[in-house]
Amino acid sequence: MNNSSRFLRLITCVGILAVGFTISGCYTVPETGRTGMVLFSEAQIANMGKESFTELKTQVRVSNNRPKNEIVQRVGNRIASSVGRDLPEAEWEFVLIEDNSINAFALPGGKVGVHTGLFSIVEKEDDLAFVMAHEIAHITARHANQRISAQTLFAGIGLALAAGTGDMDSGDRNLLLGLYGLGSTVGVSLPYSRLQEREADRIGILYAARAGYDPRRAIVFMEKMDSSAGGLHEYLSTHPAGKTRIENIEKYLDEAVVVYEESARKRKLDLD
């Protein structure tokens, strides 16, 4: 096969994958209005999340600390209620895991895990609310679907590239494939992940505020988090550095405070 035929085959494979990604599914992220495209249905992704969460619970130690569990359930349920129509089919589940690391996570389908280590720096429920709302925002914004779809697409392009370069000199072929791997990670995957983290902060702080938690506590919590974490170099980290993240949150704070004050007024009227 000559070079022009190999090149045409490669371009055709890549084109088919790209078109499939484009036409498979388009949606709008709640609160931000950003549009995204995915390869999988939400039902498929939710089932993956539920199965993974069920398996995870067999591999970790679920905490039986009653006071902390009550806090996690209370905060999680309030935020889930504030999500409303953004994720109407979620089967919410909030699990406290015995783990000293300062962390929380979310899986599609409404599954949220909170590590007991978070309570070492959480001073108020508002602090925990910001963390949990951030994780829930990842679910409502379909970030898992986006990442799985993108990884599937790039894996397919990688296979097409490997097939299309099969007759190349081995040194040139390995160099090209190596450059593809570096580009797809640094050029697409990680920056996209940082975008997701910023988006989850913006959406999450609004969810927390709507649930009646003071969004200004997000800044207090992040300052404590930043001082307690060793951290990674921002450029190759999937999370923005602490200072950068605080600056981003401050951009959304005025809007969130308005939402919080309106929520407080409504709650007061409900009690009167």
C-alpha atoms as a PDB file:
ATOM      1  CA  MET A   1       0.000   0.000   0.000  1.00  0.00           C
ATOM      2  CA  ASN A   2       1.465   3.391  -1.000  1.00  0.00           C
ATOM      3  CA  ASN A   3       1.737   6.398   1.304  1.00  0.00           C
ATOM      4  CA  SER A   4      -1.275   8.229  -0.157  1.00  0.00           C
ATOM      5  CA  SER A   5      -3.523   5.181   0.335  1.00  0.00           C
ATOM      6  CA  ARG A   6      -2.381   4.763   3.939  1.00  0.00           C
ATOM      7  CA  PHE A   7      -2.988   8.443   4.622  1.00  0.00           C
ATOM      8  CA  LEU A   8      -6.470   8.270   3.084  1.00  0.00           C
ATOM      9  CA  ARG A   9      -7.330   5.222   5.206  1.00  0.00           C
ATOM     10  CA  LEU A  10      -6.146   6.985   8.357  1.00  0.00           C
ATOM     11  CA  ILE A  11      -8.104  10.168   7.633  1.00  0.00           C
ATOM     12  CA  THR A  12     -11.227   8.124   6.873  1.00  0.00           C
ATOM     13  CA  CYS A  13     -11.016   6.235  10.184  1.00  0.00           C
ATOM     14  CA  VAL A  14     -10.469   9.403  12.174  1.00  0.00           C
ATOM     15  CA  GLY A  15     -13.279  11.160  10.329  1.00  0.00           C
ATOM     16  CA  ILE A  16     -15.771   8.393  11.056  1.00  0.00           C
ATOM     17  CA  LEU A  17     -14.909   8.487  14.760  1.00  0.00           C
ATOM     18  CA  ALA A  18     -15.189  12.264  14.914  1.00  0.00           C
ATOM     19  CA  VAL A  19     -18.556  12.311  13.120  1.00  0.00           C
ATOM     20  CA  GLY A  20     -19.858   9.603  15.448  1.00  0.00           C
ATOM     21  CA  PHE A  21     -18.875  11.708  18.447  1.00  0.00           C
ATOM     22  CA  THR A  22     -20.524  14.820  16.988  1.00  0.00           C
ATOM     23  CA  ILE A  23     -23.901  13.305  16.124  1.00  0.00           C
ATOM     24  CA  SER A  24     -24.301  10.935  19.071  1.00  0.00           C
ATOM     25  CA  GLY A  25     -25.555  13.381  21.662  1.00  0.00           C
ATOM     26  CA  CYS A  26     -25.554  17.083  22.440  1.00  0.00           C
ATOM     27  CA  TYR A  27     -26.735  18.658  25.675  1.00  0.00           C
ATOM     28  CA  THR A  28     -26.538  21.861  27.720  1.00  0.00           C
ATOM     29  CA  VAL A  29     -24.848  21.994  31.118  1.00  0.00           C
ATOM     30  CA  PRO A  30     -27.202  23.355  33.819  1.00  0.00           C
ATOM     31  CA  GLU A  31     -26.426  26.753  35.346  1.00  0.00           C
ATOM     32  CA  THR A  32     -23.513  27.518  32.976  1.00  0.00           C
ATOM     33  CA  GLY A  33     -25.202  26.985  29.603  1.00  0.00           C
ATOM     34  CA  ARG A  34     -22.118  25.338  28.096  1.00  0.00           C
ATOM     35  CA  THR A  35     -22.934  22.761  25.423  1.00  0.00           C
ATOM     36  CA  GLY A  36     -21.294  19.355  25.289  1.00  0.00           C
ATOM     37  CA  MET A  37     -21.385  16.171  23.238  1.00  0.00           C
ATOM     38  CA  VAL A  38     -21.344  12.596  24.504  1.00  0.00           C
ATOM     39  CA  LEU A  39     -21.263   9.087  23.057  1.00  0.00           C
ATOM     40  CA  PHE A  40     -23.319   7.347  25.735  1.00  0.00           C
ATOM     41  CA  SER A  41     -26.829   7.751  27.089  1.00  0.00           C
ATOM     42  CA  GLU A  42     -27.258   8.927  30.669  1.00  0.00           C
ATOM     43  CA  ALA A  43     -28.931   5.609  31.487  1.00  0.00           C
ATOM     44  CA  GLN A  44     -25.804   3.737  30.378  1.00  0.00           C
ATOM     45  CA  ILE A  45     -23.502   5.989  32.387  1.00  0.00           C
ATOM     46  CA  ALA A  46     -25.775   5.848  35.456  1.00  0.00           C
ATOM     47  CA  ASN A  47     -25.738   2.045  35.371  1.00  0.00           C
ATOM     48  CA  MET A  48     -21.933   2.100  35.223  1.00  0.00           C
ATOM     49  CA  GLY A  49     -21.886   4.392  38.248  1.00  0.00           C
ATOM     50  CA  LYS A  50     -24.303   2.269  40.263  1.00  0.00           C
ATOM     51  CA  GLU A  51     -22.404  -0.943  39.548  1.00  0.00           C
ATOM     52  CA  SER A  52     -19.077   0.678  40.414  1.00  0.00           C
ATOM     53  CA  PHE A  53     -20.465   2.112  43.654  1.00  0.00           C
ATOM     54  CA  THR A  54     -21.904  -1.245  44.705  1.00  0.00           C
ATOM     55  CA  GLU A  55     -18.528  -2.889  44.117  1.00  0.00           C
ATOM     56  CA  LEU A  56     -16.672  -0.067  45.850  1.00  0.00           C
ATOM     57  CA  LYS A  57     -18.693  -0.498  49.034  1.00  0.00           C
ATOM     58  CA  THR A  58     -17.425  -4.070  49.309  1.00  0.00           C
ATOM     59  CA  GLN A  59     -13.822  -2.843  49.150  1.00  0.00           C
ATOM     60  CA  VAL A  60     -13.906  -0.003  51.680  1.00  0.00           C
ATOM     61  CA  ARG A  61     -14.892   0.358  55.311  1.00  0.00           C
ATOM     62  CA  VAL A  62     -18.215   2.160  55.542  1.00  0.00           C
ATOM     63  CA  SER A  63     -18.272   4.323  58.666  1.00  0.00           C
ATOM     64  CA  ASN A  64     -20.789   3.632  61.426  1.00  0.00           C
ATOM     65  CA  ASN A  65     -20.143   6.985  63.123  1.00  0.00           C
ATOM     66  CA  ARG A  66     -23.728   8.041  63.723  1.00  0.00           C
ATOM     67  CA  PRO A  67     -23.289  11.828  64.212  1.00  0.00           C
ATOM     68  CA  LYS A  68     -21.115  12.185  61.106  1.00  0.00           C
ATOM     69  CA  ASN A  69     -23.418   9.965  59.067  1.00  0.00           C
ATOM     70  CA  GLU A  70     -26.374  12.117  60.052  1.00  0.00           C
ATOM     71  CA  ILE A  71     -24.529  15.225  58.893  1.00  0.00           C
ATOM     72  CA  VAL A  72     -23.592  13.643  55.558  1.00  0.00           C
ATOM     73  CA  GLN A  73     -27.171  12.471  54.951  1.00  0.00           C
ATOM     74  CA  ARG A  74     -28.684  15.820  55.956  1.00  0.00           C
ATOM     75  CA  VAL A  75     -26.355  17.897  53.812  1.00  0.00           C
ATOM     76  CA  GLY A  76     -26.533  15.505  50.866  1.00  0.00           C
ATOM     77  CA  ASN A  77     -30.323  15.341  50.841  1.00  0.00           C
ATOM     78  CA  ARG A  78     -30.701  19.112  51.078  1.00  0.00           C
ATOM     79  CA  ILE A  79     -28.371  19.654  48.149  1.00  0.00           C
ATOM     80  CA  ALA A  80     -30.018  16.878  46.138  1.00  0.00           C
ATOM     81  CA  SER A  81     -33.345  18.650  46.670  1.00  0.00           C
ATOM     82  CA  SER A  82     -31.854  21.905  45.413  1.00  0.00           C
ATOM     83  CA  VAL A  83     -30.679  20.166  42.236  1.00  0.00           C
ATOM     84  CA  GLY A  84     -34.299  19.577  41.224  1.00  0.00           C
ATOM     85  CA  ARG A  85     -34.869  19.124  37.534  1.00  0.00           C
ATOM     86  CA  ASP A  86     -31.150  19.090  36.707  1.00  0.00           C
ATOM     87  CA  LEU A  87     -31.059  15.370  37.525  1.00  0.00           C
ATOM     88  CA  PRO A  88     -34.605  14.071  38.090  1.00  0.00           C
ATOM     89  CA  GLU A  89     -33.789  10.359  37.610  1.00  0.00           C
ATOM     90  CA  ALA A  90     -30.946  10.166  40.153  1.00  0.00           C
ATOM     91  CA  GLU A  91     -31.077   7.474  42.839  1.00  0.00           C
ATOM     92  CA  TRP A  92     -29.240   9.454  45.497  1.00  0.00           C
ATOM     93  CA  GLU A  93     -26.992   7.645  47.939  1.00  0.00           C
ATOM     94  CA  PHE A  94     -24.524   9.268  50.340  1.00  0.00           C
ATOM     95  CA  VAL A  95     -21.949   7.046  52.029  1.00  0.00           C
ATOM     96  CA  LEU A  96     -19.395   7.979  54.689  1.00  0.00           C
ATOM     97  CA  ILE A  97     -16.160   6.026  54.220  1.00  0.00           C
ATOM     98  CA  GLU A  98     -13.524   5.440  56.877  1.00  0.00           C
ATOM     99  CA  ASP A  99     -10.523   7.045  55.212  1.00  0.00           C
ATOM    100  CA  ASN A 100      -8.214   9.690  56.663  1.00  0.00           C
ATOM    101  CA  SER A 101      -7.652  11.425  53.335  1.00  0.00           C
ATOM    102  CA  ILE A 102      -9.396  14.765  52.788  1.00  0.00           C
ATOM    103  CA  ASN A 103     -11.566  13.769  49.881  1.00  0.00           C
ATOM    104  CA  ALA A 104     -15.009  13.122  48.437  1.00  0.00           C
ATOM    105  CA  PHE A 105     -16.173  11.781  45.097  1.00  0.00           C
ATOM    106  CA  ALA A 106     -19.255  11.221  42.985  1.00  0.00           C
ATOM    107  CA  LEU A 107     -20.299   8.580  40.494  1.00  0.00           C
ATOM    108  CA  PRO A 108     -23.062   8.853  37.889  1.00  0.00           C
ATOM    109  CA  GLY A 109     -26.528   7.888  39.025  1.00  0.00           C
ATOM    110  CA  GLY A 110     -26.415   9.993  42.193  1.00  0.00           C
ATOM    111  CA  LYS A 111     -23.787   8.070  44.175  1.00  0.00           C
ATOM    112  CA  VAL A 112     -21.618  10.188  46.501  1.00  0.00           C
ATOM    113  CA  GLY A 113     -18.821   9.114  48.822  1.00  0.00           C
ATOM    114  CA  VAL A 114     -17.389  11.236  51.643  1.00  0.00           C
ATOM    115  CA  HIS A 115     -14.161  10.366  53.464  1.00  0.00           C
ATOM    116  CA  THR A 116     -14.078  10.764  57.229  1.00  0.00           C
ATOM    117  CA  GLY A 117     -10.831  12.699  56.797  1.00  0.00           C
ATOM    118  CA  LEU A 118     -12.848  15.668  55.549  1.00  0.00           C
ATOM    119  CA  PHE A 119     -14.149  16.209  59.063  1.00  0.00           C
ATOM    120  CA  SER A 120     -10.624  17.099  60.185  1.00  0.00           C
ATOM    121  CA  ILE A 121     -10.967  20.458  58.428  1.00  0.00           C
ATOM    122  CA  VAL A 122     -14.755  20.877  58.215  1.00  0.00           C
ATOM    123  CA  GLU A 123     -15.855  23.385  60.860  1.00  0.00           C
ATOM    124  CA  LYS A 124     -19.471  23.894  59.777  1.00  0.00           C
ATOM    125  CA  GLU A 125     -22.024  22.043  57.693  1.00  0.00           C
ATOM    126  CA  ASP A 126     -21.679  24.847  55.153  1.00  0.00           C
ATOM    127  CA  ASP A 127     -18.105  23.676  54.506  1.00  0.00           C
ATOM    128  CA  LEU A 128     -19.178  20.103  53.858  1.00  0.00           C
ATOM    129  CA  ALA A 129     -22.051  21.385  51.733  1.00  0.00           C
ATOM    130  CA  PHE A 130     -19.622  23.073  49.348  1.00  0.00           C
ATOM    131  CA  VAL A 131     -17.606  19.865  48.921  1.00  0.00           C
ATOM    132  CA  MET A 132     -20.644  17.652  48.403  1.00  0.00           C
ATOM    133  CA  ALA A 133     -22.335  20.158  46.107  1.00  0.00           C
ATOM    134  CA  HIS A 134     -19.163  20.276  44.016  1.00  0.00           C
ATOM    135  CA  GLU A 135     -19.256  16.488  43.633  1.00  0.00           C
ATOM    136  CA  ILE A 136     -22.972  16.499  42.838  1.00  0.00           C
ATOM    137  CA  ALA A 137     -22.338  19.187  40.222  1.00  0.00           C
ATOM    138  CA  HIS A 138     -20.020  16.761  38.437  1.00  0.00           C
ATOM    139  CA  ILE A 139     -22.996  14.426  38.130  1.00  0.00           C
ATOM    140  CA  THR A 140     -25.521  16.982  36.891  1.00  0.00           C
ATOM    141  CA  ALA A 141     -23.017  18.435  34.412  1.00  0.00           C
ATOM    142  CA  ARG A 142     -22.440  14.933  32.975  1.00  0.00           C
ATOM    143  CA  HIS A 143     -18.701  15.224  33.416  1.00  0.00           C
ATOM    144  CA  ALA A 144     -18.192  11.458  33.695  1.00  0.00           C
ATOM    145  CA  ASN A 145     -20.026  10.923  30.415  1.00  0.00           C
ATOM    146  CA  GLN A 146     -17.918  13.615  28.766  1.00  0.00           C
ATOM    147  CA  ARG A 147     -14.655  12.104  29.951  1.00  0.00           C
ATOM    148  CA  ILE A 148     -15.609   8.511  29.077  1.00  0.00           C
ATOM    149  CA  SER A 149     -16.818   9.665  25.659  1.00  0.00           C
ATOM    150  CA  ALA A 150     -13.634  11.640  25.026  1.00  0.00           C
ATOM    151  CA  GLN A 151     -11.403   8.765  26.149  1.00  0.00           C
ATOM    152  CA  THR A 152     -13.341   6.350  23.935  1.00  0.00           C
ATOM    153  CA  LEU A 153     -12.965   8.681  20.977  1.00  0.00           C
ATOM    154  CA  PHE A 154      -9.235   9.188  21.495  1.00  0.00           C
ATOM    155  CA  ALA A 155      -8.678   5.463  22.033  1.00  0.00           C
ATOM    156  CA  GLY A 156     -10.381   4.875  18.694  1.00  0.00           C
ATOM    157  CA  ILE A 157      -8.257   7.511  16.988  1.00  0.00           C
ATOM    158  CA  GLY A 158      -5.163   5.933  18.526  1.00  0.00           C
ATOM    159  CA  LEU A 159      -6.110   2.550  17.061  1.00  0.00           C
ATOM    160  CA  ALA A 160      -6.759   4.156  13.679  1.00  0.00           C
ATOM    161  CA  LEU A 161      -3.424   5.946  13.875  1.00  0.00           C
ATOM    162  CA  ALA A 162      -1.633   2.693  14.725  1.00  0.00           C
ATOM    163  CA  ALA A 163      -3.276   0.958  11.764  1.00  0.00           C
ATOM    164  CA  GLY A 164      -2.584   3.835   9.403  1.00  0.00           C
ATOM    165  CA  THR A 165       1.102   4.016  10.312  1.00  0.00           C
ATOM    166  CA  GLY A 166       1.721   0.272  10.192  1.00  0.00           C
ATOM    167  CA  ASP A 167       4.048   0.439   7.178  1.00  0.00           C
ATOM    168  CA  MET A 168       6.127   3.341   8.519  1.00  0.00           C
ATOM    169  CA  ASP A 169       9.683   3.034   9.674  1.00  0.00           C
ATOM    170  CA  SER A 170       9.437   1.798  13.306  1.00  0.00           C
ATOM    171  CA  GLY A 171      11.285   4.816  14.692  1.00  0.00           C
ATOM    172  CA  ASP A 172       9.024   7.323  12.923  1.00  0.00           C
ATOM    173  CA  ARG A 173       5.930   5.312  13.828  1.00  0.00           C
ATOM    174  CA  ASN A 174       6.779   5.172  17.538  1.00  0.00           C
ATOM    175  CA  LEU A 175       7.605   8.876  17.579  1.00  0.00           C
ATOM    176  CA  LEU A 176       4.274   9.767  15.951  1.00  0.00           C
ATOM    177  CA  LEU A 177       2.286   7.537  18.313  1.00  0.00           C
ATOM    178  CA  GLY A 178       4.174   8.961  21.276  1.00  0.00           C
ATOM    179  CA  LEU A 179       3.372  12.505  20.208  1.00  0.00           C
ATOM    180  CA  TYR A 180      -0.292  11.534  19.812  1.00  0.00           C
ATOM    181  CA  GLY A 181      -0.374  10.166  23.362  1.00  0.00           C
ATOM    182  CA  LEU A 182       1.235  13.269  24.830  1.00  0.00           C
ATOM    183  CA  GLY A 183      -1.013  15.586  22.859  1.00  0.00           C
ATOM    184  CA  SER A 184      -4.232  13.812  23.767  1.00  0.00           C
ATOM    185  CA  THR A 185      -3.320  13.911  27.470  1.00  0.00           C
ATOM    186  CA  VAL A 186      -1.827  17.363  27.934  1.00  0.00           C
ATOM    187  CA  GLY A 187      -3.636  19.074  25.087  1.00  0.00           C
ATOM    188  CA  VAL A 188      -7.138  17.747  25.619  1.00  0.00           C
ATOM    189  CA  SER A 189      -7.754  15.471  28.604  1.00  0.00           C
ATOM    190  CA  LEU A 190      -6.179  17.460  31.433  1.00  0.00           C
ATOM    191  CA  PRO A 191      -7.298  20.954  30.356  1.00  0.00           C
ATOM    192  CA  TYR A 192     -10.794  19.569  29.863  1.00  0.00           C
ATOM    193  CA  SER A 193     -10.664  18.175  33.370  1.00  0.00           C
ATOM    194  CA  ARG A 194      -9.619  21.544  34.794  1.00  0.00           C
ATOM    195  CA  LEU A 195     -12.577  23.066  32.951  1.00  0.00           C
ATOM    196  CA  GLN A 196     -14.820  20.504  34.611  1.00  0.00           C
ATOM    197  CA  GLU A 197     -13.448  21.371  38.042  1.00  0.00           C
ATOM    198  CA  ARG A 198     -14.088  25.093  37.527  1.00  0.00           C
ATOM    199  CA  GLU A 199     -17.556  24.321  36.232  1.00  0.00           C
ATOM    200  CA  ALA A 200     -18.322  22.048  39.195  1.00  0.00           C
ATOM    201  CA  ASP A 201     -17.221  24.813  41.576  1.00  0.00           C
ATOM    202  CA  ARG A 202     -19.541  27.296  39.882  1.00  0.00           C
ATOM    203  CA  ILE A 203     -22.541  24.964  39.752  1.00  0.00           C
ATOM    204  CA  GLY A 204     -21.839  23.474  43.169  1.00  0.00           C
ATOM    205  CA  ILE A 205     -21.651  26.787  44.992  1.00  0.00           C
ATOM    206  CA  LEU A 206     -25.071  27.680  43.551  1.00  0.00           C
ATOM    207  CA  TYR A 207     -26.538  24.334  44.632  1.00  0.00           C
ATOM    208  CA  ALA A 208     -25.184  24.817  48.154  1.00  0.00           C
ATOM    209  CA  ALA A 209     -26.546  28.363  48.305  1.00  0.00           C
ATOM    210  CA  ARG A 210     -29.953  27.237  47.062  1.00  0.00           C
ATOM    211  CA  ALA A 211     -29.973  24.559  49.761  1.00  0.00           C
ATOM    212  CA  GLY A 212     -29.475  27.255  52.403  1.00  0.00           C
ATOM    213  CA  TYR A 213     -25.729  26.962  52.997  1.00  0.00           C
ATOM    214  CA  ASP A 214     -23.543  30.065  53.115  1.00  0.00           C
ATOM    215  CA  PRO A 215     -21.417  30.083  49.917  1.00  0.00           C
ATOM    216  CA  ARG A 216     -18.837  32.354  51.548  1.00  0.00           C
ATOM    217  CA  ARG A 217     -17.708  29.350  53.577  1.00  0.00           C
ATOM    218  CA  ALA A 218     -16.345  27.875  50.340  1.00  0.00           C
ATOM    219  CA  ILE A 219     -13.493  30.385  50.455  1.00  0.00           C
ATOM    220  CA  VAL A 220     -12.758  29.607  54.106  1.00  0.00           C
ATOM    221  CA  PHE A 221     -12.756  25.885  53.393  1.00  0.00           C
ATOM    222  CA  MET A 222     -10.536  26.178  50.308  1.00  0.00           C
ATOM    223  CA  GLU A 223      -7.992  28.254  52.213  1.00  0.00           C
ATOM    224  CA  LYS A 224      -7.798  25.518  54.847  1.00  0.00           C
ATOM    225  CA  MET A 225      -7.648  22.839  52.152  1.00  0.00           C
ATOM    226  CA  ASP A 226      -4.851  24.667  50.371  1.00  0.00           C
ATOM    227  CA  SER A 227      -2.780  24.940  53.531  1.00  0.00           C
ATOM    228  CA  SER A 228      -3.226  21.230  54.309  1.00  0.00           C
ATOM    229  CA  ALA A 229      -2.410  19.841  50.863  1.00  0.00           C
ATOM    230  CA  GLY A 230       1.027  19.240  49.373  1.00  0.00           C
ATOM    231  CA  GLY A 231      -0.453  19.600  45.924  1.00  0.00           C
ATOM    232  CA  LEU A 232       0.836  19.005  42.405  1.00  0.00           C
ATOM    233  CA  HIS A 233       2.177  21.361  39.804  1.00  0.00           C
ATOM    234  CA  GLU A 234      -0.860  23.157  38.396  1.00  0.00           C
ATOM    235  CA  TYR A 235      -0.001  22.580  34.780  1.00  0.00           C
ATOM    236  CA  LEU A 236      -0.254  18.790  35.047  1.00  0.00           C
ATOM    237  CA  SER A 237      -2.866  18.658  37.779  1.00  0.00           C
ATOM    238  CA  THR A 238      -6.520  17.879  37.092  1.00  0.00           C
ATOM    239  CA  HIS A 239      -7.504  20.363  39.801  1.00  0.00           C
ATOM    240  CA  PRO A 240      -6.545  24.025  39.692  1.00  0.00           C
ATOM    241  CA  ALA A 241      -4.018  25.075  42.319  1.00  0.00           C
ATOM    242  CA  GLY A 242      -5.558  26.314  45.569  1.00  0.00           C
ATOM    243  CA  LYS A 243      -4.946  30.010  44.942  1.00  0.00           C
ATOM    244  CA  THR A 244      -6.278  29.787  41.390  1.00  0.00           C
ATOM    245  CA  ARG A 245      -9.320  27.867  42.538  1.00  0.00           C
ATOM    246  CA  ILE A 246     -10.108  30.421  45.248  1.00  0.00           C
ATOM    247  CA  GLU A 247      -9.849  33.228  42.686  1.00  0.00           C
ATOM    248  CA  ASN A 248     -12.263  31.367  40.404  1.00  0.00           C
ATOM    249  CA  ILE A 249     -14.753  30.769  43.222  1.00  0.00           C
ATOM    250  CA  GLU A 250     -14.633  34.461  44.153  1.00  0.00           C
ATOM    251  CA  LYS A 251     -15.888  35.273  40.645  1.00  0.00           C
ATOM    252  CA  TYR A 252     -19.093  33.333  41.332  1.00  0.00           C
ATOM    253  CA  LEU A 253     -19.532  34.429  44.927  1.00  0.00           C
ATOM    254  CA  ASP A 254     -21.731  37.508  44.406  1.00  0.00           C
ATOM    255  CA  GLU A 255     -24.279  35.515  42.400  1.00  0.00           C
ATOM    256  CA  ALA A 256     -24.224  32.702  44.959  1.00  0.00           C
ATOM    257  CA  VAL A 257     -24.729  35.092  47.894  1.00  0.00           C
ATOM    258  CA  VAL A 258     -27.830  36.516  46.190  1.00  0.00           C
ATOM    259  CA  VAL A 259     -29.178  32.970  45.755  1.00  0.00           C
ATOM    260  CA  TYR A 260     -28.335  32.161  49.384  1.00  0.00           C
ATOM    261  CA  GLU A 261     -30.076  35.255  50.757  1.00  0.00           C
ATOM    262  CA  GLU A 262     -33.161  34.551  48.659  1.00  0.00           C
ATOM    263  CA  SER A 263     -33.165  30.964  49.922  1.00  0.00           C
ATOM    264  CA  ALA A 264     -32.863  32.204  53.513  1.00  0.00           C
ATOM    265  CA  ARG A 265     -35.858  34.520  53.020  1.00  0.00           C
ATOM    266  CA  LYS A 266     -37.961  31.678  51.636  1.00  0.00           C
ATOM    267  CA  ARG A 267     -37.002  29.390  54.499  1.00  0.00           C
ATOM    268  CA  LYS A 268     -37.897  32.083  57.018  1.00  0.00           C
ATOM    269  CA  LEU A 269     -41.306  32.562  55.401  1.00  0.00           C
ATOM    270  CA  ASP A 270     -41.898  28.808  55.497  1.00  0.00           C
ATOM    271  CA  LEU A 271     -41.190  28.790  59.230  1.00  0.00           C
ATOM    272  CA  ASP A 272     -43.396  31.807  60.027  1.00  0.00           C
END
